[in-house]
Amino acid sequence: VGVVDLGGGSVQMAYAISKADAAK
């Protein structure tokens, strides 16, 4: 699953992508 974490000072988005997309 992907994650969006809204803290007080910053917001993070993280999710796994394919190796092909990572190369881009």
mmCIF file of all heavy atoms, coordinates in Angstrom:
data_MODEL
# 
_entry.id   MODEL 
# 
loop_
_atom_site.group_PDB 
_atom_site.id 
_atom_site.type_symbol 
_atom_site.label_atom_id 
_atom_site.label_alt_id 
_atom_site.label_comp_id 
_atom_site.label_asym_id 
_atom_site.label_entity_id 
_atom_site.label_seq_id 
_atom_site.pdbx_PDB_ins_code 
_atom_site.Cartn_x 
_atom_site.Cartn_y 
_atom_site.Cartn_z 
_atom_site.occupancy 
_atom_site.B_iso_or_equiv 
_atom_site.pdbx_formal_charge 
_atom_site.auth_seq_id 
_atom_site.auth_comp_id 
_atom_site.auth_asym_id 
_atom_site.auth_atom_id 
_atom_site.pdbx_PDB_model_num 
ATOM 1   N N   . VAL A 1 1  ? 0.846  -1.194 0.000   1.00 0.00 ? 1  VAL A N   1 
ATOM 2   C CA  . VAL A 1 1  ? 0.000  0.000  0.000   1.00 0.00 ? 1  VAL A CA  1 
ATOM 3   C C   . VAL A 1 1  ? 0.881  1.244  0.000   1.00 0.00 ? 1  VAL A C   1 
ATOM 4   O O   . VAL A 1 1  ? 2.006  1.228  0.493   1.00 0.00 ? 1  VAL A O   1 
ATOM 5   C CB  . VAL A 1 1  ? -0.951 0.025  1.210   1.00 0.00 ? 1  VAL A CB  1 
ATOM 6   C CG1 . VAL A 1 1  ? -1.815 -1.222 1.240   1.00 0.00 ? 1  VAL A CG1 1 
ATOM 7   C CG2 . VAL A 1 1  ? -0.182 0.166  2.531   1.00 0.00 ? 1  VAL A CG2 1 
ATOM 8   N N   . GLY A 1 2  ? 0.350  2.321  -0.561  1.00 0.00 ? 2  GLY A N   1 
ATOM 9   C CA  . GLY A 1 2  ? 1.032  3.605  -0.518  1.00 0.00 ? 2  GLY A CA  1 
ATOM 10  C C   . GLY A 1 2  ? 0.650  4.350  0.749   1.00 0.00 ? 2  GLY A C   1 
ATOM 11  O O   . GLY A 1 2  ? -0.376 4.059  1.375   1.00 0.00 ? 2  GLY A O   1 
ATOM 12  N N   . VAL A 1 3  ? 1.469  5.330  1.132   1.00 0.00 ? 3  VAL A N   1 
ATOM 13  C CA  . VAL A 1 3  ? 1.264  6.038  2.392   1.00 0.00 ? 3  VAL A CA  1 
ATOM 14  C C   . VAL A 1 3  ? 1.399  7.541  2.181   1.00 0.00 ? 3  VAL A C   1 
ATOM 15  O O   . VAL A 1 3  ? 2.332  8.002  1.507   1.00 0.00 ? 3  VAL A O   1 
ATOM 16  C CB  . VAL A 1 3  ? 2.294  5.568  3.453   1.00 0.00 ? 3  VAL A CB  1 
ATOM 17  C CG1 . VAL A 1 3  ? 2.197  6.429  4.708   1.00 0.00 ? 3  VAL A CG1 1 
ATOM 18  C CG2 . VAL A 1 3  ? 2.082  4.101  3.792   1.00 0.00 ? 3  VAL A CG2 1 
ATOM 19  N N   . VAL A 1 4  ? 0.466  8.298  2.742   1.00 0.00 ? 4  VAL A N   1 
ATOM 20  C CA  . VAL A 1 4  ? 0.596  9.745  2.865   1.00 0.00 ? 4  VAL A CA  1 
ATOM 21  C C   . VAL A 1 4  ? 0.542  10.059 4.357   1.00 0.00 ? 4  VAL A C   1 
ATOM 22  O O   . VAL A 1 4  ? -0.426 9.700  5.035   1.00 0.00 ? 4  VAL A O   1 
ATOM 23  C CB  . VAL A 1 4  ? -0.521 10.503 2.125   1.00 0.00 ? 4  VAL A CB  1 
ATOM 24  C CG1 . VAL A 1 4  ? -0.399 12.004 2.386   1.00 0.00 ? 4  VAL A CG1 1 
ATOM 25  C CG2 . VAL A 1 4  ? -0.452 10.224 0.626   1.00 0.00 ? 4  VAL A CG2 1 
ATOM 26  N N   . ASP A 1 5  ? 1.567  10.703 4.868   1.00 0.00 ? 5  ASP A N   1 
ATOM 27  C CA  . ASP A 1 5  ? 1.671  10.979 6.297   1.00 0.00 ? 5  ASP A CA  1 
ATOM 28  C C   . ASP A 1 5  ? 1.738  12.490 6.510   1.00 0.00 ? 5  ASP A C   1 
ATOM 29  O O   . ASP A 1 5  ? 2.715  13.134 6.142   1.00 0.00 ? 5  ASP A O   1 
ATOM 30  C CB  . ASP A 1 5  ? 2.925  10.297 6.864   1.00 0.00 ? 5  ASP A CB  1 
ATOM 31  C CG  . ASP A 1 5  ? 3.060  10.488 8.366   1.00 0.00 ? 5  ASP A CG  1 
ATOM 32  O OD1 . ASP A 1 5  ? 2.018  10.611 9.037   1.00 0.00 ? 5  ASP A OD1 1 
ATOM 33  O OD2 . ASP A 1 5  ? 4.199  10.525 8.860   1.00 0.00 ? 5  ASP A OD2 1 
ATOM 34  N N   . LEU A 1 6  ? 0.694  13.050 7.097   1.00 0.00 ? 6  LEU A N   1 
ATOM 35  C CA  . LEU A 1 6  ? 0.619  14.489 7.324   1.00 0.00 ? 6  LEU A CA  1 
ATOM 36  C C   . LEU A 1 6  ? 1.029  14.814 8.753   1.00 0.00 ? 6  LEU A C   1 
ATOM 37  O O   . LEU A 1 6  ? 0.262  14.623 9.697   1.00 0.00 ? 6  LEU A O   1 
ATOM 38  C CB  . LEU A 1 6  ? -0.802 14.997 7.053   1.00 0.00 ? 6  LEU A CB  1 
ATOM 39  C CG  . LEU A 1 6  ? -1.028 16.494 7.225   1.00 0.00 ? 6  LEU A CG  1 
ATOM 40  C CD1 . LEU A 1 6  ? -0.181 17.301 6.245   1.00 0.00 ? 6  LEU A CD1 1 
ATOM 41  C CD2 . LEU A 1 6  ? -2.509 16.842 7.073   1.00 0.00 ? 6  LEU A CD2 1 
ATOM 42  N N   . GLY A 1 7  ? 2.249  15.287 8.915   1.00 0.00 ? 7  GLY A N   1 
ATOM 43  C CA  . GLY A 1 7  ? 2.724  15.695 10.221  1.00 0.00 ? 7  GLY A CA  1 
ATOM 44  C C   . GLY A 1 7  ? 2.457  17.164 10.474  1.00 0.00 ? 7  GLY A C   1 
ATOM 45  O O   . GLY A 1 7  ? 1.672  17.800 9.771   1.00 0.00 ? 7  GLY A O   1 
ATOM 46  N N   . GLY A 1 8  ? 3.153  17.724 11.456  1.00 0.00 ? 8  GLY A N   1 
ATOM 47  C CA  . GLY A 1 8  ? 2.965  19.132 11.762  1.00 0.00 ? 8  GLY A CA  1 
ATOM 48  C C   . GLY A 1 8  ? 3.749  20.046 10.840  1.00 0.00 ? 8  GLY A C   1 
ATOM 49  O O   . GLY A 1 8  ? 3.256  21.079 10.399  1.00 0.00 ? 8  GLY A O   1 
ATOM 50  N N   . GLY A 1 9  ? 5.001  19.642 10.526  1.00 0.00 ? 9  GLY A N   1 
ATOM 51  C CA  . GLY A 1 9  ? 5.857  20.497 9.721   1.00 0.00 ? 9  GLY A CA  1 
ATOM 52  C C   . GLY A 1 9  ? 6.005  20.070 8.284   1.00 0.00 ? 9  GLY A C   1 
ATOM 53  O O   . GLY A 1 9  ? 6.375  20.876 7.424   1.00 0.00 ? 9  GLY A O   1 
ATOM 54  N N   . SER A 1 10 ? 5.734  18.798 7.972   1.00 0.00 ? 10 SER A N   1 
ATOM 55  C CA  . SER A 1 10 ? 5.916  18.315 6.605   1.00 0.00 ? 10 SER A CA  1 
ATOM 56  C C   . SER A 1 10 ? 4.901  17.227 6.302   1.00 0.00 ? 10 SER A C   1 
ATOM 57  O O   . SER A 1 10 ? 4.275  16.658 7.202   1.00 0.00 ? 10 SER A O   1 
ATOM 58  C CB  . SER A 1 10 ? 7.338  17.770 6.411   1.00 0.00 ? 10 SER A CB  1 
ATOM 59  O OG  . SER A 1 10 ? 7.565  16.644 7.253   1.00 0.00 ? 10 SER A OG  1 
ATOM 60  N N   . VAL A 1 11 ? 4.747  16.944 5.021   1.00 0.00 ? 11 VAL A N   1 
ATOM 61  C CA  . VAL A 1 11 ? 3.894  15.849 4.581   1.00 0.00 ? 11 VAL A CA  1 
ATOM 62  C C   . VAL A 1 11 ? 4.726  14.957 3.675   1.00 0.00 ? 11 VAL A C   1 
ATOM 63  O O   . VAL A 1 11 ? 5.505  15.443 2.849   1.00 0.00 ? 11 VAL A O   1 
ATOM 64  C CB  . VAL A 1 11 ? 2.624  16.357 3.863   1.00 0.00 ? 11 VAL A CB  1 
ATOM 65  C CG1 . VAL A 1 11 ? 2.952  17.194 2.645   1.00 0.00 ? 11 VAL A CG1 1 
ATOM 66  C CG2 . VAL A 1 11 ? 1.713  15.186 3.476   1.00 0.00 ? 11 VAL A CG2 1 
ATOM 67  N N   . GLN A 1 12 ? 4.594  13.657 3.843   1.00 0.00 ? 12 GLN A N   1 
ATOM 68  C CA  . GLN A 1 12 ? 5.355  12.680 3.063   1.00 0.00 ? 12 GLN A CA  1 
ATOM 69  C C   . GLN A 1 12 ? 4.421  11.808 2.230   1.00 0.00 ? 12 GLN A C   1 
ATOM 70  O O   . GLN A 1 12 ? 3.346  11.436 2.702   1.00 0.00 ? 12 GLN A O   1 
ATOM 71  C CB  . GLN A 1 12 ? 6.175  11.749 3.955   1.00 0.00 ? 12 GLN A CB  1 
ATOM 72  C CG  . GLN A 1 12 ? 7.418  12.359 4.536   1.00 0.00 ? 12 GLN A CG  1 
ATOM 73  C CD  . GLN A 1 12 ? 7.114  13.338 5.646   1.00 0.00 ? 12 GLN A CD  1 
ATOM 74  O OE1 . GLN A 1 12 ? 7.565  14.474 5.605   1.00 0.00 ? 12 GLN A OE1 1 
ATOM 75  N NE2 . GLN A 1 12 ? 6.346  12.910 6.634   1.00 0.00 ? 12 GLN A NE2 1 
ATOM 76  N N   . MET A 1 13 ? 4.863  11.502 1.023   1.00 0.00 ? 13 MET A N   1 
ATOM 77  C CA  . MET A 1 13 ? 4.192  10.469 0.237   1.00 0.00 ? 13 MET A CA  1 
ATOM 78  C C   . MET A 1 13 ? 5.222  9.395  -0.082  1.00 0.00 ? 13 MET A C   1 
ATOM 79  O O   . MET A 1 13 ? 6.353  9.709  -0.467  1.00 0.00 ? 13 MET A O   1 
ATOM 80  C CB  . MET A 1 13 ? 3.603  11.021 -1.061  1.00 0.00 ? 13 MET A CB  1 
ATOM 81  C CG  . MET A 1 13 ? 3.053  9.914  -1.981  1.00 0.00 ? 13 MET A CG  1 
ATOM 82  S SD  . MET A 1 13 ? 2.252  10.512 -3.481  1.00 0.00 ? 13 MET A SD  1 
ATOM 83  C CE  . MET A 1 13 ? 0.577  10.738 -2.865  1.00 0.00 ? 13 MET A CE  1 
ATOM 84  N N   . ALA A 1 14 ? 4.837  8.128  0.068   1.00 0.00 ? 14 ALA A N   1 
ATOM 85  C CA  . ALA A 1 14 ? 5.732  7.014  -0.233  1.00 0.00 ? 14 ALA A CA  1 
ATOM 86  C C   . ALA A 1 14 ? 4.925  5.845  -0.777  1.00 0.00 ? 14 ALA A C   1 
ATOM 87  O O   . ALA A 1 14 ? 3.869  5.516  -0.228  1.00 0.00 ? 14 ALA A O   1 
ATOM 88  C CB  . ALA A 1 14 ? 6.502  6.583  1.017   1.00 0.00 ? 14 ALA A CB  1 
ATOM 89  N N   . TYR A 1 15 ? 5.425  5.255  -1.848  1.00 0.00 ? 15 TYR A N   1 
ATOM 90  C CA  . TYR A 1 15 ? 4.806  4.042  -2.359  1.00 0.00 ? 15 TYR A CA  1 
ATOM 91  C C   . TYR A 1 15 ? 5.809  3.307  -3.239  1.00 0.00 ? 15 TYR A C   1 
ATOM 92  O O   . TYR A 1 15 ? 6.735  3.907  -3.787  1.00 0.00 ? 15 TYR A O   1 
ATOM 93  C CB  . TYR A 1 15 ? 3.506  4.331  -3.105  1.00 0.00 ? 15 TYR A CB  1 
ATOM 94  C CG  . TYR A 1 15 ? 3.624  5.140  -4.374  1.00 0.00 ? 15 TYR A CG  1 
ATOM 95  C CD1 . TYR A 1 15 ? 3.720  4.530  -5.624  1.00 0.00 ? 15 TYR A CD1 1 
ATOM 96  C CD2 . TYR A 1 15 ? 3.615  6.529  -4.326  1.00 0.00 ? 15 TYR A CD2 1 
ATOM 97  C CE1 . TYR A 1 15 ? 3.806  5.268  -6.785  1.00 0.00 ? 15 TYR A CE1 1 
ATOM 98  C CE2 . TYR A 1 15 ? 3.703  7.293  -5.483  1.00 0.00 ? 15 TYR A CE2 1 
ATOM 99  C CZ  . TYR A 1 15 ? 3.799  6.655  -6.713  1.00 0.00 ? 15 TYR A CZ  1 
ATOM 100 O OH  . TYR A 1 15 ? 3.895  7.386  -7.871  1.00 0.00 ? 15 TYR A OH  1 
ATOM 101 N N   . ALA A 1 16 ? 5.620  1.995  -3.353  1.00 0.00 ? 16 ALA A N   1 
ATOM 102 C CA  . ALA A 1 16 ? 6.538  1.171  -4.136  1.00 0.00 ? 16 ALA A CA  1 
ATOM 103 C C   . ALA A 1 16 ? 6.211  1.290  -5.621  1.00 0.00 ? 16 ALA A C   1 
ATOM 104 O O   . ALA A 1 16 ? 5.033  1.303  -6.011  1.00 0.00 ? 16 ALA A O   1 
ATOM 105 C CB  . ALA A 1 16 ? 6.447  -0.288 -3.692  1.00 0.00 ? 16 ALA A CB  1 
ATOM 106 N N   . ILE A 1 17 ? 7.246  1.397  -6.428  1.00 0.00 ? 17 ILE A N   1 
ATOM 107 C CA  . ILE A 1 17 ? 7.071  1.502  -7.874  1.00 0.00 ? 17 ILE A CA  1 
ATOM 108 C C   . ILE A 1 17 ? 7.870  0.389  -8.562  1.00 0.00 ? 17 ILE A C   1 
ATOM 109 O O   . ILE A 1 17 ? 8.705  -0.270 -7.937  1.00 0.00 ? 17 ILE A O   1 
ATOM 110 C CB  . ILE A 1 17 ? 7.517  2.887  -8.398  1.00 0.00 ? 17 ILE A CB  1 
ATOM 111 C CG1 . ILE A 1 17 ? 9.010  3.127  -8.124  1.00 0.00 ? 17 ILE A CG1 1 
ATOM 112 C CG2 . ILE A 1 17 ? 6.672  3.987  -7.771  1.00 0.00 ? 17 ILE A CG2 1 
ATOM 113 C CD1 . ILE A 1 17 ? 9.530  4.446  -8.675  1.00 0.00 ? 17 ILE A CD1 1 
ATOM 114 N N   . SER A 1 18 ? 7.603  0.197  -9.832  1.00 0.00 ? 18 SER A N   1 
ATOM 115 C CA  . SER A 1 18 ? 8.307  -0.841 -10.569 1.00 0.00 ? 18 SER A CA  1 
ATOM 116 C C   . SER A 1 18 ? 9.752  -0.428 -10.822 1.00 0.00 ? 18 SER A C   1 
ATOM 117 O O   . SER A 1 18 ? 10.101 0.761  -10.755 1.00 0.00 ? 18 SER A O   1 
ATOM 118 C CB  . SER A 1 18 ? 7.609  -1.094 -11.911 1.00 0.00 ? 18 SER A CB  1 
ATOM 119 O OG  . SER A 1 18 ? 7.755  0.036  -12.765 1.00 0.00 ? 18 SER A OG  1 
ATOM 120 N N   . LYS A 1 19 ? 10.568 -1.396 -11.122 1.00 0.00 ? 19 LYS A N   1 
ATOM 121 C CA  . LYS A 1 19 ? 11.972 -1.119 -11.431 1.00 0.00 ? 19 LYS A CA  1 
ATOM 122 C C   . LYS A 1 19 ? 12.082 -0.223 -12.657 1.00 0.00 ? 19 LYS A C   1 
ATOM 123 O O   . LYS A 1 19 ? 12.946 0.656  -12.732 1.00 0.00 ? 19 LYS A O   1 
ATOM 124 C CB  . LYS A 1 19 ? 12.720 -2.435 -11.657 1.00 0.00 ? 19 LYS A CB  1 
ATOM 125 C CG  . LYS A 1 19 ? 14.221 -2.274 -11.843 1.00 0.00 ? 19 LYS A CG  1 
ATOM 126 C CD  . LYS A 1 19 ? 14.902 -3.632 -11.957 1.00 0.00 ? 19 LYS A CD  1 
ATOM 127 C CE  . LYS A 1 19 ? 16.419 -3.464 -12.108 1.00 0.00 ? 19 LYS A CE  1 
ATOM 128 N NZ  . LYS A 1 19 ? 17.096 -4.794 -12.203 1.00 0.00 ? 19 LYS A NZ  1 
ATOM 129 N N   . ALA A 1 20 ? 11.181 -0.428 -13.623 1.00 0.00 ? 20 ALA A N   1 
ATOM 130 C CA  . ALA A 1 20 ? 11.198 0.381  -14.847 1.00 0.00 ? 20 ALA A CA  1 
ATOM 131 C C   . ALA A 1 20 ? 10.874 1.842  -14.540 1.00 0.00 ? 20 ALA A C   1 
ATOM 132 O O   . ALA A 1 20 ? 11.520 2.764  -15.065 1.00 0.00 ? 20 ALA A O   1 
ATOM 133 C CB  . ALA A 1 20 ? 10.200 -0.179 -15.854 1.00 0.00 ? 20 ALA A CB  1 
ATOM 134 N N   . ASP A 1 21 ? 9.875  2.085  -13.666 1.00 0.00 ? 21 ASP A N   1 
ATOM 135 C CA  . ASP A 1 21 ? 9.545  3.462  -13.302 1.00 0.00 ? 21 ASP A CA  1 
ATOM 136 C C   . ASP A 1 21 ? 10.652 4.097  -12.472 1.00 0.00 ? 21 ASP A C   1 
ATOM 137 O O   . ASP A 1 21 ? 10.916 5.299  -12.577 1.00 0.00 ? 21 ASP A O   1 
ATOM 138 C CB  . ASP A 1 21 ? 8.229  3.506  -12.523 1.00 0.00 ? 21 ASP A CB  1 
ATOM 139 C CG  . ASP A 1 21 ? 7.013  3.381  -13.428 1.00 0.00 ? 21 ASP A CG  1 
ATOM 140 O OD1 . ASP A 1 21 ? 7.141  3.723  -14.624 1.00 0.00 ? 21 ASP A OD1 1 
ATOM 141 O OD2 . ASP A 1 21 ? 5.955  2.945  -12.960 1.00 0.00 ? 21 ASP A OD2 1 
ATOM 142 N N   . ALA A 1 22 ? 11.303 3.278  -11.640 1.00 0.00 ? 22 ALA A N   1 
ATOM 143 C CA  . ALA A 1 22 ? 12.406 3.806  -10.828 1.00 0.00 ? 22 ALA A CA  1 
ATOM 144 C C   . ALA A 1 22 ? 13.534 4.311  -11.709 1.00 0.00 ? 22 ALA A C   1 
ATOM 145 O O   . ALA A 1 22 ? 14.194 5.309  -11.391 1.00 0.00 ? 22 ALA A O   1 
ATOM 146 C CB  . ALA A 1 22 ? 12.918 2.731  -9.871  1.00 0.00 ? 22 ALA A CB  1 
ATOM 147 N N   . ALA A 1 23 ? 13.742 3.631  -12.847 1.00 0.00 ? 23 ALA A N   1 
ATOM 148 C CA  . ALA A 1 23 ? 14.813 4.039  -13.768 1.00 0.00 ? 23 ALA A CA  1 
ATOM 149 C C   . ALA A 1 23 ? 14.511 5.372  -14.436 1.00 0.00 ? 23 ALA A C   1 
ATOM 150 O O   . ALA A 1 23 ? 15.418 6.044  -14.939 1.00 0.00 ? 23 ALA A O   1 
ATOM 151 C CB  . ALA A 1 23 ? 15.013 2.961  -14.821 1.00 0.00 ? 23 ALA A CB  1 
ATOM 152 N N   . LYS A 1 24 ? 13.252 5.786  -14.422 1.00 0.00 ? 24 LYS A N   1 
ATOM 153 C CA  . LYS A 1 24 ? 12.851 7.056  -15.039 1.00 0.00 ? 24 LYS A CA  1 
ATOM 154 C C   . LYS A 1 24 ? 12.895 8.232  -14.071 1.00 0.00 ? 24 LYS A C   1 
ATOM 155 O O   . LYS A 1 24 ? 12.561 9.357  -14.453 1.00 0.00 ? 24 LYS A O   1 
ATOM 156 C CB  . LYS A 1 24 ? 11.426 6.930  -15.596 1.00 0.00 ? 24 LYS A CB  1 
ATOM 157 C CG  . LYS A 1 24 ? 11.248 5.846  -16.643 1.00 0.00 ? 24 LYS A CG  1 
ATOM 158 C CD  . LYS A 1 24 ? 9.773  5.710  -17.010 1.00 0.00 ? 24 LYS A CD  1 
ATOM 159 C CE  . LYS A 1 24 ? 9.542  4.549  -17.963 1.00 0.00 ? 24 LYS A CE  1 
ATOM 160 N NZ  . LYS A 1 24 ? 8.091  4.353  -18.249 1.00 0.00 ? 24 LYS A NZ  1 
# 
